[in-house]
Amino acid sequence: MLSCGELCACEILESFEITQPTLSYHMKILTECGLVISRKEGSWMHYSNNPQLIEKIKNYWTNISTEQEDCICKYTKADGQCDK
């Protein structure tokens, strides 16, 4: 949901069958680990993705899932025997 932009907790709550305290608990975890940014406006919290951390995660995933020059897969045969 947050990939579309910042959302108020009230907007997130409309899409789930959970209570406000349950949403707050889960969003707190996401905020503490840095995936989500929160800001308070009046009595409501607003949440958005942390673009810097998401970019780091995307880069990391690309690096571990893309064949590299020194990739270990280049050293093994289909039968599991090592070429080197």
PDB file of N, CA and C in Angstrom:
ATOM      1  N   MET A   1       0.818  -1.200   0.000  1.00  0.00           N
ATOM      2  CA  MET A   1       0.000   0.000   0.000  1.00  0.00           C
ATOM      3  C   MET A   1       0.859   1.261   0.000  1.00  0.00           C
ATOM      4  N   LEU A   2       1.962   1.212   0.719  1.00  0.00           N
ATOM      5  CA  LEU A   2       2.800   2.398   0.835  1.00  0.00           C
ATOM      6  C   LEU A   2       3.620   2.666  -0.418  1.00  0.00           C
ATOM      7  N   SER A   3       3.667   1.712  -1.332  1.00  0.00           N
ATOM      8  CA  SER A   3       4.404   1.954  -2.576  1.00  0.00           C
ATOM      9  C   SER A   3       3.726   3.037  -3.413  1.00  0.00           C
ATOM     10  N   CYS A   4       2.467   3.311  -3.131  1.00  0.00           N
ATOM     11  CA  CYS A   4       1.744   4.373  -3.852  1.00  0.00           C
ATOM     12  C   CYS A   4       1.944   5.738  -3.212  1.00  0.00           C
ATOM     13  N   GLY A   5       2.584   5.789  -2.055  1.00  0.00           N
ATOM     14  CA  GLY A   5       2.829   7.060  -1.378  1.00  0.00           C
ATOM     15  C   GLY A   5       2.408   7.009   0.076  1.00  0.00           C
ATOM     16  N   GLU A   6       2.572   8.125   0.733  1.00  0.00           N
ATOM     17  CA  GLU A   6       2.257   8.225   2.152  1.00  0.00           C
ATOM     18  C   GLU A   6       0.769   7.982   2.399  1.00  0.00           C
ATOM     19  N   LEU A   7       0.497   7.274   3.489  1.00  0.00           N
ATOM     20  CA  LEU A   7      -0.890   7.020   3.887  1.00  0.00           C
ATOM     21  C   LEU A   7      -1.068   7.302   5.370  1.00  0.00           C
ATOM     22  N   CYS A   8      -2.229   7.796   5.687  1.00  0.00           N
ATOM     23  CA  CYS A   8      -2.631   7.974   7.072  1.00  0.00           C
ATOM     24  C   CYS A   8      -3.003   6.604   7.640  1.00  0.00           C
ATOM     25  N   ALA A   9      -2.757   6.420   8.908  1.00  0.00           N
ATOM     26  CA  ALA A   9      -3.128   5.151   9.551  1.00  0.00           C
ATOM     27  C   ALA A   9      -4.605   4.848   9.336  1.00  0.00           C
ATOM     28  N   CYS A  10      -5.438   5.870   9.307  1.00  0.00           N
ATOM     29  CA  CYS A  10      -6.868   5.657   9.105  1.00  0.00           C
ATOM     30  C   CYS A  10      -7.147   5.051   7.726  1.00  0.00           C
ATOM     31  N   GLU A  11      -6.361   5.431   6.716  1.00  0.00           N
ATOM     32  CA  GLU A  11      -6.529   4.873   5.371  1.00  0.00           C
ATOM     33  C   GLU A  11      -6.073   3.413   5.325  1.00  0.00           C
ATOM     34  N   ILE A  12      -5.013   3.112   6.037  1.00  0.00           N
ATOM     35  CA  ILE A  12      -4.526   1.728   6.092  1.00  0.00           C
ATOM     36  C   ILE A  12      -5.546   0.850   6.813  1.00  0.00           C
ATOM     37  N   LEU A  13      -6.085   1.358   7.892  1.00  0.00           N
ATOM     38  CA  LEU A  13      -7.070   0.603   8.669  1.00  0.00           C
ATOM     39  C   LEU A  13      -8.299   0.216   7.848  1.00  0.00           C
ATOM     40  N   GLU A  14      -8.684   1.053   6.903  1.00  0.00           N
ATOM     41  CA  GLU A  14      -9.862   0.768   6.077  1.00  0.00           C
ATOM     42  C   GLU A  14      -9.693  -0.501   5.243  1.00  0.00           C
ATOM     43  N   SER A  15      -8.441  -0.883   4.963  1.00  0.00           N
ATOM     44  CA  SER A  15      -8.173  -2.036   4.105  1.00  0.00           C
ATOM     45  C   SER A  15      -7.981  -3.339   4.870  1.00  0.00           C
ATOM     46  N   PHE A  16      -7.910  -3.267   6.179  1.00  0.00           N
ATOM     47  CA  PHE A  16      -7.665  -4.459   6.992  1.00  0.00           C
ATOM     48  C   PHE A  16      -8.716  -4.598   8.076  1.00  0.00           C
ATOM     49  N   GLU A  17      -8.934  -5.799   8.490  1.00  0.00           N
ATOM     50  CA  GLU A  17      -9.862  -6.056   9.600  1.00  0.00           C
ATOM     51  C   GLU A  17      -9.058  -6.229  10.878  1.00  0.00           C
ATOM     52  N   ILE A  18      -8.394  -5.135  11.274  1.00  0.00           N
ATOM     53  CA  ILE A  18      -7.607  -5.130  12.503  1.00  0.00           C
ATOM     54  C   ILE A  18      -7.950  -3.860  13.271  1.00  0.00           C
ATOM     55  N   THR A  19      -7.545  -3.844  14.527  1.00  0.00           N
ATOM     56  CA  THR A  19      -7.798  -2.668  15.354  1.00  0.00           C
ATOM     57  C   THR A  19      -6.668  -1.654  15.171  1.00  0.00           C
ATOM     58  N   GLN A  20      -6.927  -0.441  15.597  1.00  0.00           N
ATOM     59  CA  GLN A  20      -5.913   0.609  15.514  1.00  0.00           C
ATOM     60  C   GLN A  20      -4.678   0.253  16.345  1.00  0.00           C
ATOM     61  N   PRO A  21      -4.828  -0.302  17.578  1.00  0.00           N
ATOM     62  CA  PRO A  21      -3.630  -0.680  18.332  1.00  0.00           C
ATOM     63  C   PRO A  21      -2.793  -1.765  17.630  1.00  0.00           C
ATOM     64  N   THR A  22      -3.463  -2.692  16.953  1.00  0.00           N
ATOM     65  CA  THR A  22      -2.739  -3.729  16.224  1.00  0.00           C
ATOM     66  C   THR A  22      -1.961  -3.124  15.072  1.00  0.00           C
ATOM     67  N   LEU A  23      -2.581  -2.210  14.336  1.00  0.00           N
ATOM     68  CA  LEU A  23      -1.884  -1.530  13.254  1.00  0.00           C
ATOM     69  C   LEU A  23      -0.693  -0.754  13.809  1.00  0.00           C
ATOM     70  N   SER A  24      -0.891  -0.030  14.886  1.00  0.00           N
ATOM     71  CA  SER A  24       0.187   0.757  15.484  1.00  0.00           C
ATOM     72  C   SER A  24       1.358  -0.122  15.879  1.00  0.00           C
ATOM     73  N   TYR A  25       1.069  -1.284  16.441  1.00  0.00           N
ATOM     74  CA  TYR A  25       2.119  -2.213  16.863  1.00  0.00           C
ATOM     75  C   TYR A  25       2.956  -2.659  15.666  1.00  0.00           C
ATOM     76  N   HIS A  26       2.303  -3.061  14.594  1.00  0.00           N
ATOM     77  CA  HIS A  26       3.020  -3.549  13.413  1.00  0.00           C
ATOM     78  C   HIS A  26       3.766  -2.421  12.696  1.00  0.00           C
ATOM     79  N   MET A  27       3.166  -1.247  12.635  1.00  0.00           N
ATOM     80  CA  MET A  27       3.838  -0.126  11.990  1.00  0.00           C
ATOM     81  C   MET A  27       5.039   0.334  12.816  1.00  0.00           C
ATOM     82  N   LYS A  28       4.951   0.196  14.128  1.00  0.00           N
ATOM     83  CA  LYS A  28       6.082   0.530  14.999  1.00  0.00           C
ATOM     84  C   LYS A  28       7.267  -0.373  14.678  1.00  0.00           C
ATOM     85  N   ILE A  29       7.016  -1.654  14.476  1.00  0.00           N
ATOM     86  CA  ILE A  29       8.085  -2.603  14.133  1.00  0.00           C
ATOM     87  C   ILE A  29       8.719  -2.211  12.797  1.00  0.00           C
ATOM     88  N   LEU A  30       7.892  -1.912  11.803  1.00  0.00           N
ATOM     89  CA  LEU A  30       8.407  -1.521  10.485  1.00  0.00           C
ATOM     90  C   LEU A  30       9.176  -0.202  10.550  1.00  0.00           C
ATOM     91  N   THR A  31       8.731   0.695  11.401  1.00  0.00           N
ATOM     92  CA  THR A  31       9.416   1.977  11.570  1.00  0.00           C
ATOM     93  C   THR A  31      10.747   1.781  12.295  1.00  0.00           C
ATOM     94  N   GLU A  32      10.757   0.973  13.346  1.00  0.00           N
ATOM     95  CA  GLU A  32      11.981   0.742  14.111  1.00  0.00           C
ATOM     96  C   GLU A  32      13.065   0.066  13.277  1.00  0.00           C
ATOM     97  N   CYS A  33      12.671  -0.800  12.349  1.00  0.00           N
ATOM     98  CA  CYS A  33      13.681  -1.472  11.524  1.00  0.00           C
ATOM     99  C   CYS A  33      14.054  -0.618  10.309  1.00  0.00           C
ATOM    100  N   GLY A  34      13.404   0.511  10.119  1.00  0.00           N
ATOM    101  CA  GLY A  34      13.795   1.456   9.082  1.00  0.00           C
ATOM    102  C   GLY A  34      13.112   1.294   7.742  1.00  0.00           C
ATOM    103  N   LEU A  35      12.238   0.322   7.587  1.00  0.00           N
ATOM    104  CA  LEU A  35      11.546   0.137   6.311  1.00  0.00           C
ATOM    105  C   LEU A  35      10.499   1.207   6.055  1.00  0.00           C
ATOM    106  N   VAL A  36       9.941   1.741   7.129  1.00  0.00           N
ATOM    107  CA  VAL A  36       8.845   2.711   7.028  1.00  0.00           C
ATOM    108  C   VAL A  36       9.224   3.968   7.796  1.00  0.00           C
ATOM    109  N   ILE A  37       8.828   5.103   7.264  1.00  0.00           N
ATOM    110  CA  ILE A  37       9.004   6.396   7.926  1.00  0.00           C
ATOM    111  C   ILE A  37       7.643   6.825   8.453  1.00  0.00           C
ATOM    112  N   SER A  38       7.612   7.326   9.685  1.00  0.00           N
ATOM    113  CA  SER A  38       6.341   7.788  10.248  1.00  0.00           C
ATOM    114  C   SER A  38       6.457   9.264  10.619  1.00  0.00           C
ATOM    115  N   ARG A  39       5.310   9.923  10.540  1.00  0.00           N
ATOM    116  CA  ARG A  39       5.225  11.307  11.020  1.00  0.00           C
ATOM    117  C   ARG A  39       3.825  11.517  11.579  1.00  0.00           C
ATOM    118  N   LYS A  40       3.784  12.293  12.634  1.00  0.00           N
ATOM    119  CA  LYS A  40       2.508  12.548  13.306  1.00  0.00           C
ATOM    120  C   LYS A  40       1.910  13.847  12.784  1.00  0.00           C
ATOM    121  N   GLU A  41       0.624  13.788  12.505  1.00  0.00           N
ATOM    122  CA  GLU A  41      -0.118  14.988  12.101  1.00  0.00           C
ATOM    123  C   GLU A  41      -1.414  14.981  12.890  1.00  0.00           C
ATOM    124  N   GLY A  42      -1.520  15.886  13.832  1.00  0.00           N
ATOM    125  CA  GLY A  42      -2.684  15.878  14.717  1.00  0.00           C
ATOM    126  C   GLY A  42      -2.686  14.618  15.557  1.00  0.00           C
ATOM    127  N   SER A  43      -3.789  13.908  15.544  1.00  0.00           N
ATOM    128  CA  SER A  43      -3.859  12.676  16.321  1.00  0.00           C
ATOM    129  C   SER A  43      -3.553  11.440  15.480  1.00  0.00           C
ATOM    130  N   TRP A  44      -3.257  11.620  14.196  1.00  0.00           N
ATOM    131  CA  TRP A  44      -3.005  10.488  13.305  1.00  0.00           C
ATOM    132  C   TRP A  44      -1.540  10.397  12.898  1.00  0.00           C
ATOM    133  N   MET A  45      -1.108   9.158  12.699  1.00  0.00           N
ATOM    134  CA  MET A  45       0.224   8.901  12.163  1.00  0.00           C
ATOM    135  C   MET A  45       0.110   8.713  10.660  1.00  0.00           C
ATOM    136  N   HIS A  46       1.102   9.187   9.964  1.00  0.00           N
ATOM    137  CA  HIS A  46       1.190   8.999   8.519  1.00  0.00           C
ATOM    138  C   HIS A  46       2.440   8.175   8.250  1.00  0.00           C
ATOM    139  N   TYR A  47       2.327   7.230   7.318  1.00  0.00           N
ATOM    140  CA  TYR A  47       3.416   6.304   7.049  1.00  0.00           C
ATOM    141  C   TYR A  47       3.787   6.325   5.571  1.00  0.00           C
ATOM    142  N   SER A  48       5.076   6.159   5.316  1.00  0.00           N
ATOM    143  CA  SER A  48       5.565   6.040   3.945  1.00  0.00           C
ATOM    144  C   SER A  48       6.760   5.100   3.938  1.00  0.00           C
ATOM    145  N   ASN A  49       7.053   4.561   2.763  1.00  0.00           N
ATOM    146  CA  ASN A  49       8.236   3.720   2.613  1.00  0.00           C
ATOM    147  C   ASN A  49       9.488   4.564   2.806  1.00  0.00           C
ATOM    148  N   ASN A  50      10.551   3.944   3.274  1.00  0.00           N
ATOM    149  CA  ASN A  50      11.841   4.596   3.371  1.00  0.00           C
ATOM    150  C   ASN A  50      12.580   4.322   2.062  1.00  0.00           C
ATOM    151  N   PRO A  51      12.594   5.276   1.140  1.00  0.00           N
ATOM    152  CA  PRO A  51      13.156   5.000  -0.192  1.00  0.00           C
ATOM    153  C   PRO A  51      14.636   4.639  -0.171  1.00  0.00           C
ATOM    154  N   GLN A  52      15.413   5.217   0.742  1.00  0.00           N
ATOM    155  CA  GLN A  52      16.834   4.899   0.792  1.00  0.00           C
ATOM    156  C   GLN A  52      17.062   3.436   1.171  1.00  0.00           C
ATOM    157  N   LEU A  53      16.352   2.948   2.179  1.00  0.00           N
ATOM    158  CA  LEU A  53      16.531   1.563   2.596  1.00  0.00           C
ATOM    159  C   LEU A  53      15.983   0.608   1.539  1.00  0.00           C
ATOM    160  N   ILE A  54      14.879   0.958   0.925  1.00  0.00           N
ATOM    161  CA  ILE A  54      14.314   0.092  -0.108  1.00  0.00           C
ATOM    162  C   ILE A  54      15.281  -0.001  -1.293  1.00  0.00           C
ATOM    163  N   GLU A  55      15.945   1.089  -1.629  1.00  0.00           N
ATOM    164  CA  GLU A  55      16.943   1.067  -2.709  1.00  0.00           C
ATOM    165  C   GLU A  55      18.114   0.161  -2.339  1.00  0.00           C
ATOM    166  N   LYS A  56      18.563   0.227  -1.089  1.00  0.00           N
ATOM    167  CA  LYS A  56      19.649  -0.649  -0.634  1.00  0.00           C
ATOM    168  C   LYS A  56      19.244  -2.115  -0.727  1.00  0.00           C
ATOM    169  N   ILE A  57      18.012  -2.412  -0.332  1.00  0.00           N
ATOM    170  CA  ILE A  57      17.518  -3.787  -0.388  1.00  0.00           C
ATOM    171  C   ILE A  57      17.441  -4.256  -1.833  1.00  0.00           C
ATOM    172  N   LYS A  58      16.951  -3.399  -2.728  1.00  0.00           N
ATOM    173  CA  LYS A  58      16.876  -3.755  -4.153  1.00  0.00           C
ATOM    174  C   LYS A  58      18.261  -4.032  -4.720  1.00  0.00           C
ATOM    175  N   ASN A  59      19.235  -3.177  -4.391  1.00  0.00           N
ATOM    176  CA  ASN A  59      20.598  -3.374  -4.867  1.00  0.00           C
ATOM    177  C   ASN A  59      21.192  -4.661  -4.322  1.00  0.00           C
ATOM    178  N   TYR A  60      20.982  -4.920  -3.041  1.00  0.00           N
ATOM    179  CA  TYR A  60      21.485  -6.148  -2.429  1.00  0.00           C
ATOM    180  C   TYR A  60      20.884  -7.361  -3.123  1.00  0.00           C
ATOM    181  N   TRP A  61      19.570  -7.357  -3.314  1.00  0.00           N
ATOM    182  CA  TRP A  61      18.908  -8.493  -3.954  1.00  0.00           C
ATOM    183  C   TRP A  61      19.412  -8.695  -5.381  1.00  0.00           C
ATOM    184  N   THR A  62      19.612  -7.608  -6.107  1.00  0.00           N
ATOM    185  CA  THR A  62      20.149  -7.707  -7.465  1.00  0.00           C
ATOM    186  C   THR A  62      21.539  -8.329  -7.437  1.00  0.00           C
ATOM    187  N   ASN A  63      22.363  -7.909  -6.488  1.00  0.00           N
ATOM    188  CA  ASN A  63      23.724  -8.440  -6.390  1.00  0.00           C
ATOM    189  C   ASN A  63      23.749  -9.929  -6.058  1.00  0.00           C
ATOM    190  N   ILE A  64      22.853 -10.395  -5.222  1.00  0.00           N
ATOM    191  CA  ILE A  64      22.898 -11.812  -4.848  1.00  0.00           C
ATOM    192  C   ILE A  64      22.104 -12.695  -5.799  1.00  0.00           C
ATOM    193  N   SER A  65      21.316 -12.100  -6.675  1.00  0.00           N
ATOM    194  CA  SER A  65      20.497 -12.917  -7.572  1.00  0.00           C
ATOM    195  C   SER A  65      20.903 -12.791  -9.038  1.00  0.00           C
ATOM    196  N   THR A  66      21.959 -12.056  -9.306  1.00  0.00           N
ATOM    197  CA  THR A  66      22.429 -11.862 -10.669  1.00  0.00           C
ATOM    198  C   THR A  66      23.802 -12.499 -10.805  1.00  0.00           C
ATOM    199  N   GLU A  67      23.996 -13.223 -11.886  1.00  0.00           N
ATOM    200  CA  GLU A  67      25.285 -13.876 -12.106  1.00  0.00           C
ATOM    201  C   GLU A  67      26.386 -12.827 -12.183  1.00  0.00           C
ATOM    202  N   GLN A  68      27.423 -13.023 -11.404  1.00  0.00           N
ATOM    203  CA  GLN A  68      28.577 -12.130 -11.377  1.00  0.00           C
ATOM    204  C   GLN A  68      29.768 -12.825 -12.027  1.00  0.00           C
ATOM    205  N   GLU A  69      30.788 -12.066 -12.359  1.00  0.00           N
ATOM    206  CA  GLU A  69      31.989 -12.624 -12.984  1.00  0.00           C
ATOM    207  C   GLU A  69      32.608 -13.719 -12.120  1.00  0.00           C
ATOM    208  N   ASP A  70      32.630 -13.527 -10.809  1.00  0.00           N
ATOM    209  CA  ASP A  70      33.241 -14.504  -9.916  1.00  0.00           C
ATOM    210  C   ASP A  70      32.201 -15.407  -9.239  1.00  0.00           C
ATOM    211  N   CYS A  71      31.057 -15.568  -9.879  1.00  0.00           N
ATOM    212  CA  CYS A  71      29.959 -16.354  -9.316  1.00  0.00           C
ATOM    213  C   CYS A  71      30.358 -17.821  -9.150  1.00  0.00           C
ATOM    214  N   ILE A  72      29.994 -18.406  -8.046  1.00  0.00           N
ATOM    215  CA  ILE A  72      30.326 -19.804  -7.776  1.00  0.00           C
ATOM    216  C   ILE A  72      29.679 -20.749  -8.786  1.00  0.00           C
ATOM    217  N   CYS A  73      28.589 -20.335  -9.405  1.00  0.00           N
ATOM    218  CA  CYS A  73      27.919 -21.196 -10.375  1.00  0.00           C
ATOM    219  C   CYS A  73      28.787 -21.463 -11.593  1.00  0.00           C
ATOM    220  N   LYS A  74      29.757 -20.603 -11.847  1.00  0.00           N
ATOM    221  CA  LYS A  74      30.669 -20.809 -12.980  1.00  0.00           C
ATOM    222  C   LYS A  74      31.657 -21.941 -12.707  1.00  0.00           C
ATOM    223  N   TYR A  75      31.785 -22.336 -11.441  1.00  0.00           N
ATOM    224  CA  TYR A  75      32.768 -23.347 -11.072  1.00  0.00           C
ATOM    225  C   TYR A  75      32.167 -24.737 -10.891  1.00  0.00           C
ATOM    226  N   THR A  76      30.873 -24.860 -11.088  1.00  0.00           N
ATOM    227  CA  THR A  76      30.232 -26.160 -10.908  1.00  0.00           C
ATOM    228  C   THR A  76      29.580 -26.610 -12.182  1.00  0.00           C
ATOM    229  N   LYS A  77      29.543 -27.934 -12.373  1.00  0.00           N
ATOM    230  CA  LYS A  77      28.849 -28.530 -13.534  1.00  0.00           C
ATOM    231  C   LYS A  77      27.437 -28.892 -13.107  1.00  0.00           C
ATOM    232  N   ALA A  78      26.623 -29.234 -14.063  1.00  0.00           N
ATOM    233  CA  ALA A  78      25.233 -29.632 -13.773  1.00  0.00           C
ATOM    234  C   ALA A  78      25.191 -30.850 -12.874  1.00  0.00           C
ATOM    235  N   ASP A  79      26.204 -31.730 -12.941  1.00  0.00           N
ATOM    236  CA  ASP A  79      26.192 -32.943 -12.119  1.00  0.00           C
ATOM    237  C   ASP A  79      26.752 -32.703 -10.717  1.00  0.00           C
ATOM    238  N   GLY A  80      27.105 -31.452 -10.430  1.00  0.00           N
ATOM    239  CA  GLY A  80      27.580 -31.126  -9.093  1.00  0.00           C
ATOM    240  C   GLY A  80      29.082 -31.272  -8.937  1.00  0.00           C
ATOM    241  N   GLN A  81      29.800 -31.659  -9.973  1.00  0.00           N
ATOM    242  CA  GLN A  81      31.262 -31.796  -9.908  1.00  0.00           C
ATOM    243  C   GLN A  81      31.909 -30.438 -10.129  1.00  0.00           C
ATOM    244  N   CYS A  82      32.949 -30.167  -9.441  1.00  0.00           N
ATOM    245  CA  CYS A  82      33.657 -28.904  -9.552  1.00  0.00           C
ATOM    246  C   CYS A  82      34.570 -28.913 -10.773  1.00  0.00           C
ATOM    247  N   ASP A  83      34.591 -27.814 -11.548  1.00  0.00           N
ATOM    248  CA  ASP A  83      35.456 -27.687 -12.729  1.00  0.00           C
ATOM    249  C   ASP A  83      36.896 -27.386 -12.339  1.00  0.00           C
ATOM    250  N   LYS A  84      37.115 -26.775 -11.195  1.00  0.00           N
ATOM    251  CA  LYS A  84      38.466 -26.340 -10.828  1.00  0.00           C
ATOM    252  C   LYS A  84      39.069 -27.226  -9.785  1.00  0.00           C
TER     253      LYS A  84
END
